[in-house]
């Protein structure tokens, strides 16, 4: 672990030199942000990502990483803006769509999350993480039957999918079907 930390510090030093030599290279700023993030320097990573975006505002992955860092600091509205911009730049950026849907659900906008996820699933109907997120958003909206269908669809593709089994168990427990719920959760424990 100390070796990795030393290597990251050396890389950061080299990238700092590269930044001074080529100050208009957004990729260098982005890498500085990546290393800062790996070292736990959240403020430094955020600053480097913002610098990269000033040089090239179309770096969707940088916006994605910046949004994650901002959420970690509780700056959810700024994170939402960055994720939306990443999706505007790359409309098929599934990780950014999932992150934005999760953020919007957490902020109480589950309807918006469902819309995002439905669009993603129209492009990629086998995206299991999107199906799980859709089910979670539907639960947040009180649409348990629809959520159960989303989770069941995941289980058709992957009968040992831990998240789908867990959520199905939760829905069963909510309907007072405790024996079936416990069976689902026991499968989760066995798989995990």
Protein backbone atom coordinates (compact mmCIF):
# COMPACT_ATOMS: atom_id res chain seq x y z
CA UNK A 1 0.00 0.00 0.00
CA UNK A 2 2.87 2.37 0.81
CA UNK A 3 4.42 1.48 -2.55
CA UNK A 4 1.21 2.42 -4.36
CA UNK A 5 1.04 5.68 -2.44
CA UNK A 6 4.65 6.48 -3.36
CA UNK A 7 4.00 5.62 -7.02
CA UNK A 8 0.93 7.85 -7.02
CA UNK A 9 2.94 10.70 -5.48
CA UNK A 10 5.65 10.29 -8.16
CA UNK A 11 3.00 10.24 -10.88
CA UNK A 12 1.44 13.36 -9.45
CA UNK A 13 4.83 15.09 -9.48
CA UNK A 14 5.40 14.13 -13.13
CA UNK A 15 1.91 15.28 -14.08
CA UNK A 16 2.49 18.58 -12.32
CA UNK A 17 5.58 19.05 -14.48
CA UNK A 18 3.54 18.15 -17.56
CA UNK A 19 0.88 20.66 -16.51
CA UNK A 20 3.48 23.44 -16.37
CA UNK A 21 5.02 22.44 -19.72
CA UNK A 22 1.66 22.00 -21.49
CA UNK A 23 -0.86 24.11 -19.55
CA UNK A 24 -3.64 23.71 -22.12
CA UNK A 25 -3.83 19.90 -21.92
CA UNK A 26 -7.10 18.91 -20.29
CA UNK A 27 -6.07 15.26 -20.14
CA UNK A 28 -3.16 16.13 -17.84
CA UNK A 29 -5.51 17.99 -15.48
CA UNK A 30 -7.90 15.06 -15.58
CA UNK A 31 -5.13 12.60 -14.61
CA UNK A 32 -4.10 14.91 -11.78
CA UNK A 33 -7.69 14.72 -10.56
CA UNK A 34 -7.71 10.93 -10.85
CA UNK A 35 -4.56 10.59 -8.78
CA UNK A 36 -5.76 13.14 -6.24
CA UNK A 37 -8.96 11.15 -5.88
CA UNK A 38 -7.00 7.91 -5.38
CA UNK A 39 -4.90 9.61 -2.69
CA UNK A 40 -7.99 10.91 -0.89
CA UNK A 41 -7.29 14.53 -1.81
CA UNK A 42 -10.91 15.32 -2.65
CA UNK A 43 -10.51 19.10 -2.82
CA UNK A 44 -7.44 18.77 -5.06
CA UNK A 45 -9.25 16.29 -7.30
CA UNK A 46 -12.28 18.56 -7.61
CA UNK A 47 -10.07 21.52 -8.49
CA UNK A 48 -8.15 19.50 -11.10
CA UNK A 49 -11.35 18.19 -12.68
CA UNK A 50 -12.77 21.70 -12.86
CA UNK A 51 -9.54 22.92 -14.46
CA UNK A 52 -9.79 20.11 -17.04
CA UNK A 53 -13.38 21.04 -17.84
CA UNK A 54 -12.46 24.68 -18.34
CA UNK A 55 -10.02 23.54 -20.99
CA UNK A 56 -12.38 20.98 -22.54
CA UNK A 57 -16.02 21.07 -21.39
CA UNK A 58 -16.86 17.94 -23.43
CA UNK A 59 -14.98 15.50 -21.18
CA UNK A 60 -17.96 13.44 -20.03
CA UNK A 61 -15.93 11.06 -17.88
CA UNK A 62 -14.38 14.00 -16.03
CA UNK A 63 -17.85 15.40 -15.36
CA UNK A 64 -18.87 11.95 -14.09
CA UNK A 65 -15.93 11.74 -11.68
CA UNK A 66 -16.43 15.35 -10.57
CA UNK A 67 -20.10 14.60 -9.85
CA UNK A 68 -19.11 11.64 -7.70
CA UNK A 69 -16.68 13.80 -5.74
CA UNK A 70 -19.28 16.56 -5.33
CA UNK A 71 -21.86 14.09 -4.01
CA UNK A 72 -19.31 12.91 -1.47
CA UNK A 73 -19.13 16.47 -0.19
CA UNK A 74 -22.92 16.84 -0.14
CA UNK A 75 -23.06 19.18 -3.17
CA UNK A 76 -25.87 17.26 -4.83
CA UNK A 77 -27.23 20.03 -7.05
CA UNK A 78 -23.79 20.69 -8.53
CA UNK A 79 -23.35 16.94 -9.03
CA UNK A 80 -26.71 16.79 -10.79
CA UNK A 81 -25.63 19.58 -13.14
CA UNK A 82 -22.36 17.80 -13.95
CA UNK A 83 -24.10 14.48 -14.61
CA UNK A 84 -26.69 16.13 -16.86
CA UNK A 85 -23.87 17.83 -18.79
CA UNK A 86 -22.03 14.50 -19.16
CA UNK A 87 -25.19 12.93 -20.59
CA UNK A 88 -25.71 15.91 -22.91
CA UNK A 89 -22.19 15.32 -24.22
CA UNK A 90 -22.54 11.52 -24.48
CA UNK A 91 -26.25 10.60 -24.44
CA UNK A 92 -25.45 6.87 -24.21
CA UNK A 93 -23.20 7.22 -21.13
CA UNK A 94 -24.88 4.50 -19.06
CA UNK A 95 -22.83 5.03 -15.87
CA UNK A 96 -23.73 8.73 -15.83
CA UNK A 97 -27.40 7.93 -16.46
CA UNK A 98 -27.43 5.42 -13.59
CA UNK A 99 -25.67 7.87 -11.28
CA UNK A 100 -28.07 10.69 -12.17
CA UNK A 101 -31.09 8.41 -11.71
CA UNK A 102 -29.81 7.32 -8.30
CA UNK A 103 -29.14 10.91 -7.29
CA UNK A 104 -32.55 12.10 -8.42
CA UNK A 105 -34.28 9.23 -6.60
CA UNK A 106 -32.31 10.09 -3.46
CA UNK A 107 -33.36 13.75 -3.81
CA UNK A 108 -37.03 12.75 -4.08
CA UNK A 109 -37.43 12.92 -7.85
CA UNK A 110 -38.10 9.25 -8.54
CA UNK A 111 -40.32 10.09 -11.54
CA UNK A 112 -37.34 11.75 -13.23
CA UNK A 113 -35.21 8.72 -12.39
CA UNK A 114 -37.76 6.39 -14.01
CA UNK A 115 -37.77 8.47 -17.19
CA UNK A 116 -33.97 8.36 -17.45
CA UNK A 117 -33.87 4.62 -16.85
CA UNK A 118 -36.65 3.84 -19.31
CA UNK A 119 -34.71 5.70 -22.03
CA UNK A 120 -31.57 3.73 -21.17
CA UNK A 121 -33.48 0.44 -21.21
CA UNK A 122 -35.03 1.27 -24.58
CA UNK A 123 -31.47 1.39 -25.97
CA UNK A 124 -30.19 -1.56 -23.93
CA UNK A 125 -33.02 -3.76 -22.60
CA UNK A 126 -30.51 -6.16 -21.00
CA UNK A 127 -28.79 -3.58 -18.79
CA UNK A 128 -29.26 -5.33 -15.45
CA UNK A 129 -28.03 -2.41 -13.32
CA UNK A 130 -30.57 -0.15 -15.03
CA UNK A 131 -33.32 -2.70 -14.33
CA UNK A 132 -32.34 -2.79 -10.65
CA UNK A 133 -32.28 1.02 -10.49
CA UNK A 134 -35.66 1.12 -12.24
CA UNK A 135 -37.09 -1.29 -9.66
CA UNK A 136 -35.70 0.81 -6.82
CA UNK A 137 -37.21 3.96 -8.32
CA UNK A 138 -40.57 2.26 -8.78
CA UNK A 139 -40.50 1.16 -5.12
CA UNK A 140 -39.83 4.79 -4.17
CA UNK A 141 -42.96 5.73 -6.11
CA UNK A 142 -45.03 3.05 -4.38
CA UNK A 143 -45.34 1.00 -7.56
CA UNK A 144 -44.32 -2.28 -5.97
CA UNK A 145 -45.93 -4.54 -8.58
CA UNK A 146 -44.02 -2.82 -11.39
CA UNK A 147 -40.83 -2.94 -9.33
CA UNK A 148 -41.29 -6.68 -8.78
CA UNK A 149 -41.51 -7.12 -12.55
CA UNK A 150 -38.23 -5.25 -13.04
CA UNK A 151 -36.48 -7.39 -10.42
CA UNK A 152 -38.01 -10.58 -11.84
CA UNK A 153 -36.70 -9.65 -15.27
CA UNK A 154 -33.20 -9.39 -13.83
CA UNK A 155 -33.60 -12.83 -12.28
CA UNK A 156 -34.64 -14.28 -15.65
CA UNK A 157 -31.24 -13.22 -17.03
CA UNK A 158 -29.27 -13.96 -13.87
CA UNK A 159 -31.05 -16.21 -11.34
CA UNK A 160 -28.31 -15.54 -8.77
CA UNK A 161 -28.37 -11.73 -8.97
CA UNK A 162 -27.90 -10.64 -5.35
CA UNK A 163 -29.55 -7.21 -5.59
CA UNK A 164 -32.62 -8.56 -7.39
CA UNK A 165 -33.04 -11.36 -4.86
CA UNK A 166 -32.64 -8.92 -1.97
CA UNK A 167 -35.24 -6.52 -3.38
CA UNK A 168 -37.68 -9.30 -4.18
CA UNK A 169 -37.29 -10.45 -0.57
CA UNK A 170 -38.03 -6.96 0.68
CA UNK A 171 -41.16 -6.72 -1.47
CA UNK A 172 -42.30 -10.11 -0.21
CA UNK A 173 -41.76 -9.03 3.41
CA UNK A 174 -43.77 -5.87 2.77
CA UNK A 175 -46.63 -8.15 1.68
CA UNK A 176 -46.22 -10.19 4.88
CA UNK A 177 -44.88 -13.18 2.97
CA UNK A 178 -42.08 -13.65 5.47
CA UNK A 179 -41.24 -17.27 4.70
CA UNK A 180 -40.67 -16.44 1.01
CA UNK A 181 -38.76 -13.28 1.94
CA UNK A 182 -36.46 -15.21 4.26
CA UNK A 183 -35.86 -17.77 1.51
CA UNK A 184 -34.76 -14.98 -0.84
CA UNK A 185 -32.49 -13.45 1.76
CA UNK A 186 -30.98 -16.85 2.60
CA UNK A 187 -30.10 -17.23 -1.08
CA UNK A 188 -28.49 -13.79 -0.96
CA UNK A 189 -26.37 -14.84 2.01
CA UNK A 190 -25.42 -18.12 0.33
CA UNK A 191 -24.40 -16.34 -2.87
CA UNK A 192 -22.57 -13.51 -1.16
